[in-house]
Amino acid sequence: MTENMDTKLDSLDRKIIKILQKNGRISYSELSKMIKKPRTTVLTRVNKLMEKNIIKGFKAKVNPEKLGYKYTAYIMIKAKRTKPIDGKSNQVILAEKLVQESLKNDEIWIEDAHIIMGAYDILIKLRTKSLEAITKFLITKLAEYEDVVHTETILSLYTVCEDLNPI
């Protein structure tokens, strides 16, 4: 039985994480002032949170619309069932190929790709610059893959929340 990671976080760790989620560029000195703890304590805590992979890293959060990606679609893909290749299911291989292929096309951006349970095997969050790009991806690009059996696409009209964190 694995131990719940939540039990390993004390109130100080939670404070640090909450502040870093809002401002990942904050200095350790400023952070230490906010939580009223020595800078060395803050530095040690952040390093331990990173070592445990609780904090996975720091990165710039971009606004997709400012980059021209005006449309968000969720595409569910039903894939053929085959034997694993080098220990990977064909669903994982297909998702990886789609992600790699999308990196060559600046009209589309696969932001997320998941292997899922249920009627479908893969869930992709696709950002595009135009409705035509979604259509081209669905009709042309996915048709190139014989492992794609069926798809269902949901076009997002409005985003209520995104990147919500549990702490």
N, C-alpha and C. Protein backbone atom coordinates (compact mmCIF):
# COMPACT_ATOMS: atom_id res chain seq x y z
N MET A 1 0.84 -1.18 0.00
CA MET A 1 0.00 0.00 0.00
C MET A 1 0.88 1.25 0.00
N THR A 2 0.60 2.18 -0.91
CA THR A 2 1.42 3.39 -0.99
C THR A 2 0.87 4.45 -0.05
N GLU A 3 1.78 5.23 0.48
CA GLU A 3 1.41 6.29 1.41
C GLU A 3 0.88 7.48 0.63
N ASN A 4 -0.15 8.10 1.12
CA ASN A 4 -0.73 9.28 0.50
C ASN A 4 0.28 10.42 0.57
N MET A 5 0.62 11.01 -0.58
CA MET A 5 1.58 12.11 -0.63
C MET A 5 1.11 13.31 0.17
N ASP A 6 -0.21 13.51 0.28
CA ASP A 6 -0.77 14.64 0.99
C ASP A 6 -0.34 14.64 2.45
N THR A 7 -0.17 13.47 3.04
CA THR A 7 0.20 13.39 4.46
C THR A 7 1.63 13.87 4.70
N LYS A 8 2.44 13.94 3.68
CA LYS A 8 3.83 14.37 3.83
C LYS A 8 3.98 15.89 3.78
N LEU A 9 2.94 16.61 3.41
CA LEU A 9 3.02 18.06 3.31
C LEU A 9 2.50 18.71 4.59
N ASP A 10 3.35 19.49 5.22
CA ASP A 10 2.87 20.23 6.39
C ASP A 10 2.38 21.61 5.94
N SER A 11 1.94 22.41 6.90
CA SER A 11 1.37 23.71 6.55
C SER A 11 2.41 24.64 5.90
N LEU A 12 3.68 24.52 6.28
CA LEU A 12 4.73 25.35 5.68
C LEU A 12 4.94 24.97 4.21
N ASP A 13 4.99 23.66 3.92
CA ASP A 13 5.11 23.21 2.53
C ASP A 13 3.94 23.73 1.70
N ARG A 14 2.74 23.64 2.25
CA ARG A 14 1.54 24.10 1.54
C ARG A 14 1.59 25.60 1.26
N LYS A 15 2.06 26.38 2.23
CA LYS A 15 2.19 27.83 2.04
C LYS A 15 3.18 28.13 0.91
N ILE A 16 4.31 27.44 0.95
CA ILE A 16 5.35 27.64 -0.07
C ILE A 16 4.79 27.31 -1.45
N ILE A 17 4.14 26.16 -1.57
CA ILE A 17 3.59 25.74 -2.86
C ILE A 17 2.54 26.73 -3.36
N LYS A 18 1.66 27.15 -2.48
CA LYS A 18 0.60 28.09 -2.86
C LYS A 18 1.18 29.39 -3.41
N ILE A 19 2.21 29.91 -2.75
CA ILE A 19 2.84 31.15 -3.20
C ILE A 19 3.56 30.93 -4.53
N LEU A 20 4.29 29.84 -4.65
CA LEU A 20 5.02 29.56 -5.90
C LEU A 20 4.08 29.31 -7.07
N GLN A 21 2.89 28.77 -6.82
CA GLN A 21 1.92 28.58 -7.90
C GLN A 21 1.44 29.91 -8.45
N LYS A 22 1.34 30.89 -7.57
CA LYS A 22 0.89 32.22 -8.00
C LYS A 22 2.03 33.01 -8.64
N ASN A 23 3.25 32.80 -8.13
CA ASN A 23 4.39 33.55 -8.63
C ASN A 23 5.65 32.69 -8.55
N GLY A 24 5.92 31.95 -9.61
CA GLY A 24 7.08 31.07 -9.65
C GLY A 24 8.40 31.82 -9.76
N ARG A 25 8.35 33.13 -9.99
CA ARG A 25 9.56 33.93 -10.14
C ARG A 25 9.95 34.66 -8.86
N ILE A 26 9.20 34.45 -7.80
CA ILE A 26 9.49 35.13 -6.54
C ILE A 26 10.87 34.70 -6.01
N SER A 27 11.59 35.63 -5.43
CA SER A 27 12.92 35.29 -4.88
C SER A 27 12.72 34.54 -3.56
N TYR A 28 13.74 33.77 -3.19
CA TYR A 28 13.68 33.06 -1.92
C TYR A 28 13.64 34.03 -0.75
N SER A 29 14.31 35.17 -0.89
CA SER A 29 14.29 36.19 0.17
C SER A 29 12.88 36.73 0.37
N GLU A 30 12.23 37.05 -0.74
CA GLU A 30 10.86 37.58 -0.66
C GLU A 30 9.90 36.52 -0.11
N LEU A 31 10.08 35.29 -0.56
CA LEU A 31 9.24 34.18 -0.08
C LEU A 31 9.43 33.98 1.42
N SER A 32 10.67 34.05 1.87
CA SER A 32 10.94 33.85 3.30
C SER A 32 10.29 34.96 4.15
N LYS A 33 10.27 36.17 3.62
CA LYS A 33 9.60 37.27 4.33
C LYS A 33 8.09 37.02 4.42
N MET A 34 7.53 36.54 3.33
CA MET A 34 6.07 36.31 3.29
C MET A 34 5.63 35.26 4.30
N ILE A 35 6.43 34.21 4.45
CA ILE A 35 6.03 33.13 5.36
C ILE A 35 6.71 33.22 6.73
N LYS A 36 7.53 34.27 6.87
CA LYS A 36 8.20 34.56 8.16
C LYS A 36 9.08 33.40 8.64
N LYS A 37 9.89 32.90 7.69
CA LYS A 37 10.85 31.83 7.99
C LYS A 37 12.19 32.22 7.37
N PRO A 38 13.30 31.71 7.92
CA PRO A 38 14.62 32.02 7.35
C PRO A 38 14.74 31.56 5.89
N ARG A 39 15.52 32.31 5.14
CA ARG A 39 15.74 32.00 3.72
C ARG A 39 16.27 30.58 3.53
N THR A 40 17.18 30.15 4.41
CA THR A 40 17.75 28.79 4.29
C THR A 40 16.67 27.73 4.47
N THR A 41 15.71 27.98 5.36
CA THR A 41 14.60 27.04 5.55
C THR A 41 13.77 26.94 4.28
N VAL A 42 13.47 28.09 3.69
CA VAL A 42 12.69 28.12 2.45
C VAL A 42 13.43 27.39 1.33
N LEU A 43 14.70 27.68 1.18
CA LEU A 43 15.52 27.04 0.14
C LEU A 43 15.56 25.53 0.34
N THR A 44 15.75 25.08 1.56
CA THR A 44 15.77 23.65 1.87
C THR A 44 14.43 23.01 1.55
N ARG A 45 13.34 23.66 1.95
CA ARG A 45 12.00 23.12 1.70
C ARG A 45 11.71 23.02 0.20
N VAL A 46 12.01 24.07 -0.54
CA VAL A 46 11.76 24.05 -1.99
C VAL A 46 12.58 22.94 -2.65
N ASN A 47 13.83 22.82 -2.27
CA ASN A 47 14.69 21.76 -2.84
C ASN A 47 14.13 20.37 -2.54
N LYS A 48 13.64 20.16 -1.30
CA LYS A 48 13.06 18.86 -0.95
C LYS A 48 11.77 18.59 -1.74
N LEU A 49 10.97 19.63 -1.91
CA LEU A 49 9.73 19.47 -2.70
C LEU A 49 10.06 19.13 -4.16
N MET A 50 11.16 19.68 -4.65
CA MET A 50 11.58 19.37 -6.02
C MET A 50 12.17 17.97 -6.10
N GLU A 51 12.97 17.58 -5.12
CA GLU A 51 13.55 16.22 -5.09
C GLU A 51 12.45 15.16 -5.06
N LYS A 52 11.37 15.43 -4.32
CA LYS A 52 10.25 14.50 -4.23
C LYS A 52 9.32 14.58 -5.44
N ASN A 53 9.63 15.48 -6.36
CA ASN A 53 8.85 15.70 -7.58
C ASN A 53 7.44 16.22 -7.26
N ILE A 54 7.28 16.85 -6.12
CA ILE A 54 6.01 17.50 -5.80
C ILE A 54 5.96 18.81 -6.58
N ILE A 55 7.06 19.54 -6.59
CA ILE A 55 7.22 20.67 -7.51
C ILE A 55 8.01 20.12 -8.68
N LYS A 56 7.36 20.09 -9.85
CA LYS A 56 7.98 19.49 -11.02
C LYS A 56 8.87 20.45 -11.79
N GLY A 57 8.74 21.73 -11.52
CA GLY A 57 9.57 22.70 -12.22
C GLY A 57 8.89 24.05 -12.28
N PHE A 58 9.53 24.98 -12.95
CA PHE A 58 9.02 26.33 -13.11
C PHE A 58 9.05 26.65 -14.59
N LYS A 59 7.95 27.19 -15.09
CA LYS A 59 7.90 27.50 -16.52
C LYS A 59 6.98 28.69 -16.75
N ALA A 60 7.13 29.27 -17.91
CA ALA A 60 6.27 30.39 -18.29
C ALA A 60 4.90 29.84 -18.70
N LYS A 61 3.87 30.46 -18.22
CA LYS A 61 2.50 30.08 -18.58
C LYS A 61 2.06 31.03 -19.68
N VAL A 62 1.86 30.50 -20.87
CA VAL A 62 1.53 31.34 -22.02
C VAL A 62 0.02 31.43 -22.22
N ASN A 63 -0.40 32.51 -22.83
CA ASN A 63 -1.80 32.71 -23.18
C ASN A 63 -1.98 32.22 -24.61
N PRO A 64 -2.65 31.08 -24.82
CA PRO A 64 -2.79 30.52 -26.17
C PRO A 64 -3.42 31.49 -27.17
N GLU A 65 -4.40 32.27 -26.73
CA GLU A 65 -5.06 33.21 -27.64
C GLU A 65 -4.10 34.29 -28.14
N LYS A 66 -3.20 34.74 -27.28
CA LYS A 66 -2.22 35.76 -27.68
C LYS A 66 -1.23 35.20 -28.71
N LEU A 67 -1.09 33.87 -28.73
CA LEU A 67 -0.23 33.22 -29.72
C LEU A 67 -1.01 32.84 -30.99
N GLY A 68 -2.29 33.19 -31.01
CA GLY A 68 -3.12 32.93 -32.19
C GLY A 68 -3.95 31.66 -32.11
N TYR A 69 -3.84 30.90 -31.02
CA TYR A 69 -4.61 29.66 -30.87
C TYR A 69 -5.97 30.00 -30.26
N LYS A 70 -6.93 30.30 -31.14
CA LYS A 70 -8.25 30.80 -30.71
C LYS A 70 -9.23 29.68 -30.37
N TYR A 71 -8.98 28.49 -30.86
CA TYR A 71 -9.95 27.40 -30.70
C TYR A 71 -9.36 26.25 -29.88
N THR A 72 -10.20 25.67 -29.04
CA THR A 72 -9.81 24.50 -28.25
C THR A 72 -10.78 23.38 -28.54
N ALA A 73 -10.24 22.24 -28.92
CA ALA A 73 -11.07 21.06 -29.19
C ALA A 73 -10.53 19.89 -28.37
N TYR A 74 -11.45 19.07 -27.90
CA TYR A 74 -11.10 17.84 -27.22
C TYR A 74 -11.47 16.71 -28.17
N ILE A 75 -10.49 15.91 -28.52
CA ILE A 75 -10.71 14.83 -29.49
C ILE A 75 -10.52 13.50 -28.79
N MET A 76 -11.56 12.68 -28.83
CA MET A 76 -11.49 11.33 -28.28
C MET A 76 -11.27 10.38 -29.44
N ILE A 77 -10.29 9.52 -29.30
CA ILE A 77 -9.91 8.61 -30.38
C ILE A 77 -10.06 7.17 -29.92
N LYS A 78 -10.77 6.39 -30.71
CA LYS A 78 -10.86 4.93 -30.52
C LYS A 78 -9.80 4.32 -31.41
N ALA A 79 -8.90 3.53 -30.85
CA ALA A 79 -7.80 2.93 -31.61
C ALA A 79 -7.97 1.42 -31.71
N LYS A 80 -7.39 0.86 -32.78
CA LYS A 80 -7.37 -0.59 -32.93
C LYS A 80 -6.58 -1.21 -31.79
N ARG A 81 -6.98 -2.40 -31.39
CA ARG A 81 -6.24 -3.13 -30.35
C ARG A 81 -5.22 -4.05 -31.02
N THR A 82 -3.97 -3.91 -30.63
CA THR A 82 -2.92 -4.79 -31.14
C THR A 82 -2.02 -5.18 -29.97
N LYS A 83 -1.11 -6.08 -30.24
CA LYS A 83 -0.15 -6.47 -29.20
C LYS A 83 0.81 -5.31 -28.95
N PRO A 84 1.30 -5.19 -27.73
CA PRO A 84 2.27 -4.14 -27.42
C PRO A 84 3.53 -4.28 -28.26
N ILE A 85 4.11 -3.14 -28.59
CA ILE A 85 5.36 -3.09 -29.34
C ILE A 85 6.42 -2.51 -28.40
N ASP A 86 7.45 -3.28 -28.14
CA ASP A 86 8.51 -2.87 -27.20
C ASP A 86 7.94 -2.42 -25.86
N GLY A 87 6.91 -3.13 -25.40
CA GLY A 87 6.31 -2.85 -24.11
C GLY A 87 5.32 -1.70 -24.09
N LYS A 88 5.06 -1.09 -25.25
CA LYS A 88 4.11 0.02 -25.32
C LYS A 88 2.87 -0.41 -26.09
N SER A 89 1.72 0.02 -25.59
CA SER A 89 0.47 -0.26 -26.32
C SER A 89 0.43 0.60 -27.57
N ASN A 90 -0.35 0.15 -28.56
CA ASN A 90 -0.45 0.95 -29.78
C ASN A 90 -1.15 2.29 -29.51
N GLN A 91 -1.96 2.36 -28.43
CA GLN A 91 -2.60 3.62 -28.08
C GLN A 91 -1.54 4.65 -27.68
N VAL A 92 -0.58 4.23 -26.86
CA VAL A 92 0.51 5.12 -26.44
C VAL A 92 1.35 5.52 -27.65
N ILE A 93 1.67 4.56 -28.49
CA ILE A 93 2.48 4.84 -29.69
C ILE A 93 1.76 5.83 -30.59
N LEU A 94 0.46 5.63 -30.80
CA LEU A 94 -0.33 6.53 -31.65
C LEU A 94 -0.35 7.94 -31.05
N ALA A 95 -0.62 8.06 -29.76
CA ALA A 95 -0.65 9.37 -29.11
C ALA A 95 0.70 10.07 -29.24
N GLU A 96 1.78 9.33 -29.02
CA GLU A 96 3.12 9.91 -29.14
C GLU A 96 3.39 10.39 -30.56
N LYS A 97 2.97 9.61 -31.56
CA LYS A 97 3.16 10.02 -32.97
C LYS A 97 2.38 11.30 -33.27
N LEU A 98 1.14 11.38 -32.79
CA LEU A 98 0.32 12.57 -33.03
C LEU A 98 0.96 13.81 -32.39
N VAL A 99 1.47 13.65 -31.18
CA VAL A 99 2.12 14.78 -30.50
C VAL A 99 3.35 15.21 -31.29
N GLN A 100 4.20 14.25 -31.66
CA GLN A 100 5.42 14.58 -32.41
C GLN A 100 5.09 15.23 -33.75
N GLU A 101 4.08 14.73 -34.42
CA GLU A 101 3.66 15.28 -35.72
C GLU A 101 3.15 16.71 -35.56
N SER A 102 2.46 16.97 -34.47
CA SER A 102 1.90 18.31 -34.25
C SER A 102 2.99 19.36 -34.05
N LEU A 103 4.15 18.93 -33.57
CA LEU A 103 5.25 19.87 -33.35
C LEU A 103 5.78 20.46 -34.66
N LYS A 104 5.45 19.82 -35.77
CA LYS A 104 5.90 20.28 -37.09
C LYS A 104 4.93 21.26 -37.73
N ASN A 105 3.80 21.52 -37.06
CA ASN A 105 2.74 22.33 -37.66
C ASN A 105 2.36 23.44 -36.69
N ASP A 106 2.65 24.68 -37.04
CA ASP A 106 2.36 25.77 -36.11
C ASP A 106 0.89 26.19 -36.11
N GLU A 107 0.07 25.57 -36.94
CA GLU A 107 -1.38 25.85 -36.94
C GLU A 107 -2.10 25.11 -35.82
N ILE A 108 -1.48 24.01 -35.36
CA ILE A 108 -2.10 23.21 -34.30
C ILE A 108 -1.12 23.04 -33.15
N TRP A 109 -1.67 22.78 -31.97
CA TRP A 109 -0.86 22.57 -30.78
C TRP A 109 -1.58 21.54 -29.92
N ILE A 110 -1.01 20.36 -29.80
CA ILE A 110 -1.57 19.35 -28.90
C ILE A 110 -1.01 19.69 -27.52
N GLU A 111 -1.88 20.26 -26.70
CA GLU A 111 -1.47 20.70 -25.36
C GLU A 111 -1.41 19.53 -24.39
N ASP A 112 -2.34 18.59 -24.52
CA ASP A 112 -2.39 17.42 -23.65
C ASP A 112 -2.77 16.20 -24.47
N ALA A 113 -2.25 15.06 -24.06
CA ALA A 113 -2.64 13.78 -24.66
C ALA A 113 -2.68 12.74 -23.53
N HIS A 114 -3.80 12.04 -23.42
CA HIS A 114 -3.99 11.07 -22.34
C HIS A 114 -4.49 9.74 -22.90
N ILE A 115 -4.06 8.66 -22.29
CA ILE A 115 -4.64 7.35 -22.54
C ILE A 115 -5.75 7.22 -21.51
N ILE A 116 -6.96 6.90 -21.98
CA ILE A 116 -8.12 6.92 -21.10
C ILE A 116 -8.86 5.58 -21.13
N MET A 117 -9.76 5.42 -20.15
CA MET A 117 -10.61 4.23 -20.08
C MET A 117 -11.99 4.61 -20.60
N GLY A 118 -12.72 3.62 -21.08
CA GLY A 118 -14.08 3.86 -21.54
C GLY A 118 -14.22 3.52 -23.01
N ALA A 119 -15.15 4.17 -23.66
CA ALA A 119 -15.44 3.89 -25.07
C ALA A 119 -14.30 4.33 -26.00
N TYR A 120 -13.47 5.25 -25.53
CA TYR A 120 -12.36 5.74 -26.33
C TYR A 120 -11.05 5.42 -25.62
N ASP A 121 -9.96 5.52 -26.37
CA ASP A 121 -8.63 5.15 -25.85
C ASP A 121 -7.72 6.33 -25.59
N ILE A 122 -7.88 7.39 -26.38
CA ILE A 122 -7.00 8.55 -26.31
C ILE A 122 -7.85 9.81 -26.23
N LEU A 123 -7.42 10.74 -25.39
CA LEU A 123 -8.05 12.05 -25.29
C LEU A 123 -6.98 13.09 -25.57
N ILE A 124 -7.25 13.94 -26.55
CA ILE A 124 -6.31 14.99 -26.94
C ILE A 124 -6.96 16.34 -26.74
N LYS A 125 -6.19 17.25 -26.13
CA LYS A 125 -6.61 18.65 -26.07
C LYS A 125 -5.85 19.36 -27.17
N LEU A 126 -6.58 19.81 -28.17
CA LEU A 126 -5.99 20.41 -29.36
C LEU A 126 -6.31 21.90 -29.40
N ARG A 127 -5.31 22.71 -29.56
CA ARG A 127 -5.49 24.15 -29.76
C ARG A 127 -5.16 24.44 -31.22
N THR A 128 -5.98 25.28 -31.84
CA THR A 128 -5.74 25.62 -33.24
C THR A 128 -5.95 27.11 -33.49
N LYS A 129 -5.41 27.55 -34.60
CA LYS A 129 -5.55 28.96 -34.98
C LYS A 129 -6.81 29.20 -35.81
N SER A 130 -7.41 28.12 -36.32
CA SER A 130 -8.61 28.28 -37.14
C SER A 130 -9.48 27.03 -37.06
N LEU A 131 -10.74 27.19 -37.42
CA LEU A 131 -11.64 26.03 -37.50
C LEU A 131 -11.20 25.11 -38.63
N GLU A 132 -10.64 25.70 -39.68
CA GLU A 132 -10.13 24.89 -40.79
C GLU A 132 -9.00 23.97 -40.34
N ALA A 133 -8.19 24.44 -39.42
CA ALA A 133 -7.08 23.61 -38.91
C ALA A 133 -7.62 22.41 -38.15
N ILE A 134 -8.70 22.60 -37.40
CA ILE A 134 -9.33 21.46 -36.70
C ILE A 134 -9.85 20.47 -37.73
N THR A 135 -10.54 20.97 -38.74
CA THR A 135 -11.10 20.12 -39.79
C THR A 135 -10.00 19.36 -40.51
N LYS A 136 -8.93 20.04 -40.87
CA LYS A 136 -7.81 19.39 -41.56
C LYS A 136 -7.18 18.31 -40.70
N PHE A 137 -7.02 18.59 -39.39
CA PHE A 137 -6.45 17.60 -38.48
C PHE A 137 -7.34 16.36 -38.41
N LEU A 138 -8.64 16.58 -38.28
CA LEU A 138 -9.57 15.46 -38.15
C LEU A 138 -9.69 14.64 -39.44
N ILE A 139 -9.83 15.32 -40.56
CA ILE A 139 -10.12 14.64 -41.82
C ILE A 139 -8.86 14.15 -42.53
N THR A 140 -7.81 14.95 -42.50
CA THR A 140 -6.59 14.59 -43.23
C THR A 140 -5.57 13.88 -42.36
N LYS A 141 -5.18 14.51 -41.24
CA LYS A 141 -4.09 13.98 -40.43
C LYS A 141 -4.46 12.66 -39.76
N LEU A 142 -5.62 12.61 -39.10
CA LEU A 142 -5.99 11.37 -38.42
C LEU A 142 -6.25 10.23 -39.40
N ALA A 143 -6.66 10.56 -40.62
CA ALA A 143 -6.90 9.53 -41.63
C ALA A 143 -5.61 8.83 -42.07
N GLU A 144 -4.47 9.46 -41.82
CA GLU A 144 -3.18 8.85 -42.17
C GLU A 144 -2.82 7.67 -41.27
N TYR A 145 -3.49 7.57 -40.14
CA TYR A 145 -3.17 6.52 -39.17
C TYR A 145 -4.21 5.41 -39.22
N GLU A 146 -3.78 4.23 -39.64
CA GLU A 146 -4.72 3.11 -39.76
C GLU A 146 -5.22 2.60 -38.41
N ASP A 147 -4.53 2.94 -37.33
CA ASP A 147 -4.96 2.51 -36.00
C ASP A 147 -6.14 3.33 -35.47
N VAL A 148 -6.46 4.45 -36.13
CA VAL A 148 -7.61 5.26 -35.71
C VAL A 148 -8.87 4.62 -36.25
N VAL A 149 -9.74 4.19 -35.34
CA VAL A 149 -11.00 3.53 -35.72
C VAL A 149 -12.14 4.54 -35.79
N HIS A 150 -12.20 5.41 -34.79
CA HIS A 150 -13.32 6.35 -34.69
C HIS A 150 -12.89 7.53 -33.82
N THR A 151 -13.46 8.69 -34.09
CA THR A 151 -13.17 9.86 -33.26
C THR A 151 -14.47 10.57 -32.90
N GLU A 152 -14.39 11.30 -31.83
CA GLU A 152 -15.48 12.21 -31.45
C GLU A 152 -14.81 13.49 -30.98
N THR A 153 -15.31 14.62 -31.47
CA THR A 153 -14.70 15.90 -31.18
C THR A 153 -15.67 16.81 -30.46
N ILE A 154 -15.15 17.47 -29.45
CA ILE A 154 -15.93 18.45 -28.69
C ILE A 154 -15.20 19.78 -28.82
N LEU A 155 -15.89 20.80 -29.30
CA LEU A 155 -15.31 22.13 -29.45
C LEU A 155 -15.69 22.96 -28.24
N SER A 156 -14.70 23.50 -27.55
CA SER A 156 -14.94 24.33 -26.37
C SER A 156 -15.43 25.70 -26.80
N LEU A 157 -16.51 26.16 -26.17
CA LEU A 157 -17.05 27.48 -26.47
C LEU A 157 -16.48 28.55 -25.54
N TYR A 158 -16.22 28.16 -24.29
CA TYR A 158 -15.76 29.12 -23.29
C TYR A 158 -15.06 28.36 -22.18
N THR A 159 -13.92 28.85 -21.74
CA THR A 159 -13.17 28.21 -20.66
C THR A 159 -13.52 28.88 -19.33
N VAL A 160 -14.04 28.10 -18.40
CA VAL A 160 -14.41 28.61 -17.08
C VAL A 160 -13.19 28.67 -16.18
N CYS A 161 -12.40 27.59 -16.14
CA CYS A 161 -11.16 27.59 -15.37
C CYS A 161 -10.18 26.64 -16.04
N GLU A 162 -8.91 26.90 -15.77
CA GLU A 162 -7.85 26.10 -16.36
C GLU A 162 -6.66 26.15 -15.43
N ASP A 163 -5.85 25.11 -15.41
CA ASP A 163 -4.66 25.05 -14.57
C ASP A 163 -4.97 25.22 -13.08
N LEU A 164 -6.09 24.71 -12.65
CA LEU A 164 -6.47 24.76 -11.25
C LEU A 164 -5.63 23.74 -10.48
N ASN A 165 -5.05 24.15 -9.38
CA ASN A 165 -4.19 23.27 -8.59
C ASN A 165 -4.87 22.89 -7.29
N PRO A 166 -4.56 21.70 -6.74
CA PRO A 166 -5.23 21.22 -5.53
C PRO A 166 -4.81 21.92 -4.24
N ILE A 167 -3.74 22.66 -4.28
CA ILE A 167 -3.26 23.34 -3.06
C ILE A 167 -3.47 24.83 -3.22
